[in-house]
Structure formats: C-alpha cells, structure tokens
Amino acid sequence: MSKMRYVILQHADQLEFVEMPSDYAYQLSALNLRLNKEIDKLTADIVPKLPRAIAECDQLDLLEERYVISQGLAYINDLEKSFASVKEEHYPLIALLTEIRALQAQLEQWYEEEDLI
C-alpha cells in the first residue's frame, strides 16, 4: 500500500482533512497557498470560498465522528469545478485553472497506476 499524507485545511472555525499520496501532498498545500494569494484578485461576482492549508501530517486518527477524510482526487475535482464555474473577465483565471488541472491529471494517473479508480 502506498504511503499517504494528510493536508489539514481550515474554513473559518471548520477543519477539513484531505488524504493525498505522500508525493503529492506538498503540491496540494502549495496550490492552496497560491490560490489563497490570488483569489482576492478575482473580479467575478461569485468567487469560490477557499480553506487555508494549515498543516500536513503522515498519520491521522480522527477522534470525532463529525470529521471525515476526503480523498485527494475527489477534493481536487471539486476544486476544479468551483474554479471552472467562475465567470472572470479581468484576471487570467486560466493560469490558476492550469495549475489545478495539472495536479488533477497527476492524481488521476497515480490513482490509475495504483488501481484505485
């Protein structure tokens, strides 16, 4: 079984946990930081609400049932959909979408190689 890492994201006072292949967890964290840096530059009326990556860890035992662990590919697919739906006319949104889709493609390939999809 492949080694996994967990990216911990924070939405205001809510936490989200994303399970990623260990070789890609840093990419998700870096992408999240970049998106958070750039999101305020978007001029569209409706802009996705982004959590902030606050930590990564190798092992994670959730002690409260209200928390769940999201699968990395599902998380990145949702992220791509939310940014693809933005009606932006001024900021070069395609650059952000390209970064999201690059990680999405890498994860799809990884999951296929691991026979997980």
C-alpha atoms as a PDB file:
ATOM      1  CA  MET A   1       0.000   0.000   0.000  1.00  0.00           C
ATOM      2  CA  SER A   2       1.234   3.459  -0.884  1.00  0.00           C
ATOM      3  CA  LYS A   3       2.146   5.933   1.780  1.00  0.00           C
ATOM      4  CA  MET A   4      -0.387   8.707   2.301  1.00  0.00           C
ATOM      5  CA  ARG A   5      -0.179  12.153   3.881  1.00  0.00           C
ATOM      6  CA  TYR A   6      -2.931  14.340   5.172  1.00  0.00           C
ATOM      7  CA  VAL A   7      -3.399  18.005   4.398  1.00  0.00           C
ATOM      8  CA  ILE A   8      -5.358  19.839   7.050  1.00  0.00           C
ATOM      9  CA  LEU A   9      -7.404  22.761   5.757  1.00  0.00           C
ATOM     10  CA  GLN A  10      -9.253  25.377   7.768  1.00  0.00           C
ATOM     11  CA  HIS A  11     -12.501  27.156   6.791  1.00  0.00           C
ATOM     12  CA  ALA A  12     -13.091  29.793   9.465  1.00  0.00           C
ATOM     13  CA  ASP A  13     -13.636  27.537  12.504  1.00  0.00           C
ATOM     14  CA  GLN A  14     -14.114  24.306  10.499  1.00  0.00           C
ATOM     15  CA  LEU A  15     -11.400  21.790   9.642  1.00  0.00           C
ATOM     16  CA  GLU A  16     -11.153  19.644   6.534  1.00  0.00           C
ATOM     17  CA  PHE A  17      -8.817  16.687   6.096  1.00  0.00           C
ATOM     18  CA  VAL A  18      -7.617  15.587   2.660  1.00  0.00           C
ATOM     19  CA  GLU A  19      -5.796  12.294   2.146  1.00  0.00           C
ATOM     20  CA  MET A  20      -3.142  12.592  -0.551  1.00  0.00           C
ATOM     21  CA  PRO A  21      -0.444  10.313  -1.903  1.00  0.00           C
ATOM     22  CA  SER A  22       2.641  11.403   0.045  1.00  0.00           C
ATOM     23  CA  ASP A  23       4.430  12.553  -3.113  1.00  0.00           C
ATOM     24  CA  TYR A  24       1.584  14.984  -3.913  1.00  0.00           C
ATOM     25  CA  ALA A  25       0.545  16.387  -0.526  1.00  0.00           C
ATOM     26  CA  TYR A  26       3.034  19.225  -0.738  1.00  0.00           C
ATOM     27  CA  GLN A  27       1.686  20.130  -4.187  1.00  0.00           C
ATOM     28  CA  LEU A  28      -1.830  20.451  -2.775  1.00  0.00           C
ATOM     29  CA  SER A  29      -0.574  22.630   0.080  1.00  0.00           C
ATOM     30  CA  ALA A  30       1.420  24.830  -2.301  1.00  0.00           C
ATOM     31  CA  LEU A  31      -1.533  25.094  -4.701  1.00  0.00           C
ATOM     32  CA  ASN A  32      -3.806  26.068  -1.834  1.00  0.00           C
ATOM     33  CA  LEU A  33      -1.411  28.786  -0.697  1.00  0.00           C
ATOM     34  CA  ARG A  34      -1.156  30.143  -4.258  1.00  0.00           C
ATOM     35  CA  LEU A  35      -4.931  30.119  -4.753  1.00  0.00           C
ATOM     36  CA  ASN A  36      -5.427  31.947  -1.465  1.00  0.00           C
ATOM     37  CA  LYS A  37      -2.857  34.540  -2.529  1.00  0.00           C
ATOM     38  CA  GLU A  38      -4.560  35.113  -5.884  1.00  0.00           C
ATOM     39  CA  ILE A  39      -8.268  34.759  -5.048  1.00  0.00           C
ATOM     40  CA  ASP A  40      -8.620  38.355  -3.880  1.00  0.00           C
ATOM     41  CA  LYS A  41      -7.536  39.486  -7.353  1.00  0.00           C
ATOM     42  CA  LEU A  42     -10.565  37.874  -8.986  1.00  0.00           C
ATOM     43  CA  THR A  43     -13.228  40.355 -10.038  1.00  0.00           C
ATOM     44  CA  ALA A  44     -16.083  37.923 -10.699  1.00  0.00           C
ATOM     45  CA  ASP A  45     -19.316  38.303  -8.745  1.00  0.00           C
ATOM     46  CA  ILE A  46     -19.152  34.751  -7.420  1.00  0.00           C
ATOM     47  CA  VAL A  47     -15.761  33.504  -6.247  1.00  0.00           C
ATOM     48  CA  PRO A  48     -15.147  30.151  -4.511  1.00  0.00           C
ATOM     49  CA  LYS A  49     -14.614  30.186  -0.760  1.00  0.00           C
ATOM     50  CA  LEU A  50     -11.242  28.610  -0.084  1.00  0.00           C
ATOM     51  CA  PRO A  51      -9.949  26.995   3.060  1.00  0.00           C
ATOM     52  CA  ARG A  52      -6.354  27.614   4.110  1.00  0.00           C
ATOM     53  CA  ALA A  53      -3.825  24.803   4.307  1.00  0.00           C
ATOM     54  CA  ILE A  54      -2.592  24.885   7.895  1.00  0.00           C
ATOM     55  CA  ALA A  55      -0.702  21.609   8.301  1.00  0.00           C
ATOM     56  CA  GLU A  56       0.372  18.282   6.830  1.00  0.00           C
ATOM     57  CA  CYS A  57       0.974  15.036   8.675  1.00  0.00           C
ATOM     58  CA  ASP A  58       1.839  11.408   7.948  1.00  0.00           C
ATOM     59  CA  GLN A  59      -0.672   9.806  10.276  1.00  0.00           C
ATOM     60  CA  LEU A  60      -4.108  10.956  11.250  1.00  0.00           C
ATOM     61  CA  ASP A  61      -6.543   9.449  13.720  1.00  0.00           C
ATOM     62  CA  LEU A  62      -9.784  11.391  13.880  1.00  0.00           C
ATOM     63  CA  LEU A  63     -11.395  11.248  17.296  1.00  0.00           C
ATOM     64  CA  GLU A  64     -14.666  12.970  16.499  1.00  0.00           C
ATOM     65  CA  GLU A  65     -17.247  11.495  14.130  1.00  0.00           C
ATOM     66  CA  ARG A  66     -18.165  14.899  12.729  1.00  0.00           C
ATOM     67  CA  TYR A  67     -14.867  14.951  10.826  1.00  0.00           C
ATOM     68  CA  VAL A  68     -14.269  12.930   7.697  1.00  0.00           C
ATOM     69  CA  ILE A  69     -11.252  12.422   5.492  1.00  0.00           C
ATOM     70  CA  SER A  70     -11.713  13.459   1.864  1.00  0.00           C
ATOM     71  CA  GLN A  71      -9.952  11.554  -0.880  1.00  0.00           C
ATOM     72  CA  GLY A  72      -7.426  13.775  -2.687  1.00  0.00           C
ATOM     73  CA  LEU A  73      -8.743  13.258  -6.214  1.00  0.00           C
ATOM     74  CA  ALA A  74     -12.327  13.972  -5.144  1.00  0.00           C
ATOM     75  CA  TYR A  75     -11.166  17.152  -3.413  1.00  0.00           C
ATOM     76  CA  ILE A  76      -9.197  18.385  -6.437  1.00  0.00           C
ATOM     77  CA  ASN A  77     -12.107  17.535  -8.780  1.00  0.00           C
ATOM     78  CA  ASP A  78     -14.430  19.685  -6.650  1.00  0.00           C
ATOM     79  CA  LEU A  79     -11.842  22.454  -6.572  1.00  0.00           C
ATOM     80  CA  GLU A  80     -11.527  22.370 -10.364  1.00  0.00           C
ATOM     81  CA  LYS A  81     -15.314  22.541 -10.795  1.00  0.00           C
ATOM     82  CA  SER A  82     -15.600  25.511  -8.455  1.00  0.00           C
ATOM     83  CA  PHE A  83     -12.914  27.486 -10.306  1.00  0.00           C
ATOM     84  CA  ALA A  84     -14.108  26.427 -13.773  1.00  0.00           C
ATOM     85  CA  SER A  85     -17.529  27.921 -12.970  1.00  0.00           C
ATOM     86  CA  VAL A  86     -16.104  31.375 -12.150  1.00  0.00           C
ATOM     87  CA  LYS A  87     -17.128  33.992 -14.711  1.00  0.00           C
ATOM     88  CA  GLU A  88     -13.939  36.056 -14.657  1.00  0.00           C
ATOM     89  CA  GLU A  89     -13.227  38.713 -17.268  1.00  0.00           C
ATOM     90  CA  HIS A  90     -10.180  40.595 -15.978  1.00  0.00           C
ATOM     91  CA  TYR A  91      -7.860  38.269 -14.053  1.00  0.00           C
ATOM     92  CA  PRO A  92      -6.130  35.493 -16.051  1.00  0.00           C
ATOM     93  CA  LEU A  93      -8.089  32.720 -14.353  1.00  0.00           C
ATOM     94  CA  ILE A  94      -6.768  30.195 -16.864  1.00  0.00           C
ATOM     95  CA  ALA A  95      -3.388  30.241 -15.086  1.00  0.00           C
ATOM     96  CA  LEU A  96      -4.991  29.090 -11.831  1.00  0.00           C
ATOM     97  CA  LEU A  97      -7.116  26.509 -13.627  1.00  0.00           C
ATOM     98  CA  THR A  98      -3.996  25.183 -15.363  1.00  0.00           C
ATOM     99  CA  GLU A  99      -2.304  24.615 -12.009  1.00  0.00           C
ATOM    100  CA  ILE A 100      -5.380  22.891 -10.593  1.00  0.00           C
ATOM    101  CA  ARG A 101      -5.749  20.701 -13.682  1.00  0.00           C
ATOM    102  CA  ALA A 102      -2.066  19.759 -13.670  1.00  0.00           C
ATOM    103  CA  LEU A 103      -2.365  18.359 -10.150  1.00  0.00           C
ATOM    104  CA  GLN A 104      -5.682  16.767 -11.106  1.00  0.00           C
ATOM    105  CA  ALA A 105      -4.030  14.938 -14.031  1.00  0.00           C
ATOM    106  CA  GLN A 106      -1.141  13.774 -11.862  1.00  0.00           C
ATOM    107  CA  LEU A 107      -3.544  12.413  -9.259  1.00  0.00           C
ATOM    108  CA  GLU A 108      -5.681  10.666 -11.883  1.00  0.00           C
ATOM    109  CA  GLN A 109      -2.577   8.951 -13.228  1.00  0.00           C
ATOM    110  CA  TRP A 110      -1.442   7.987  -9.727  1.00  0.00           C
ATOM    111  CA  TYR A 111      -4.835   6.502  -8.832  1.00  0.00           C
ATOM    112  CA  GLU A 112      -4.921   4.581 -12.123  1.00  0.00           C
ATOM    113  CA  GLU A 113      -1.439   3.170 -11.538  1.00  0.00           C
ATOM    114  CA  GLU A 114      -2.476   2.141  -8.031  1.00  0.00           C
ATOM    115  CA  ASP A 115      -5.704   0.590  -9.398  1.00  0.00           C
ATOM    116  CA  LEU A 116      -7.794   2.768  -7.100  1.00  0.00           C
ATOM    117  CA  ILE A 117     -10.165   4.144  -9.771  1.00  0.00           C
END
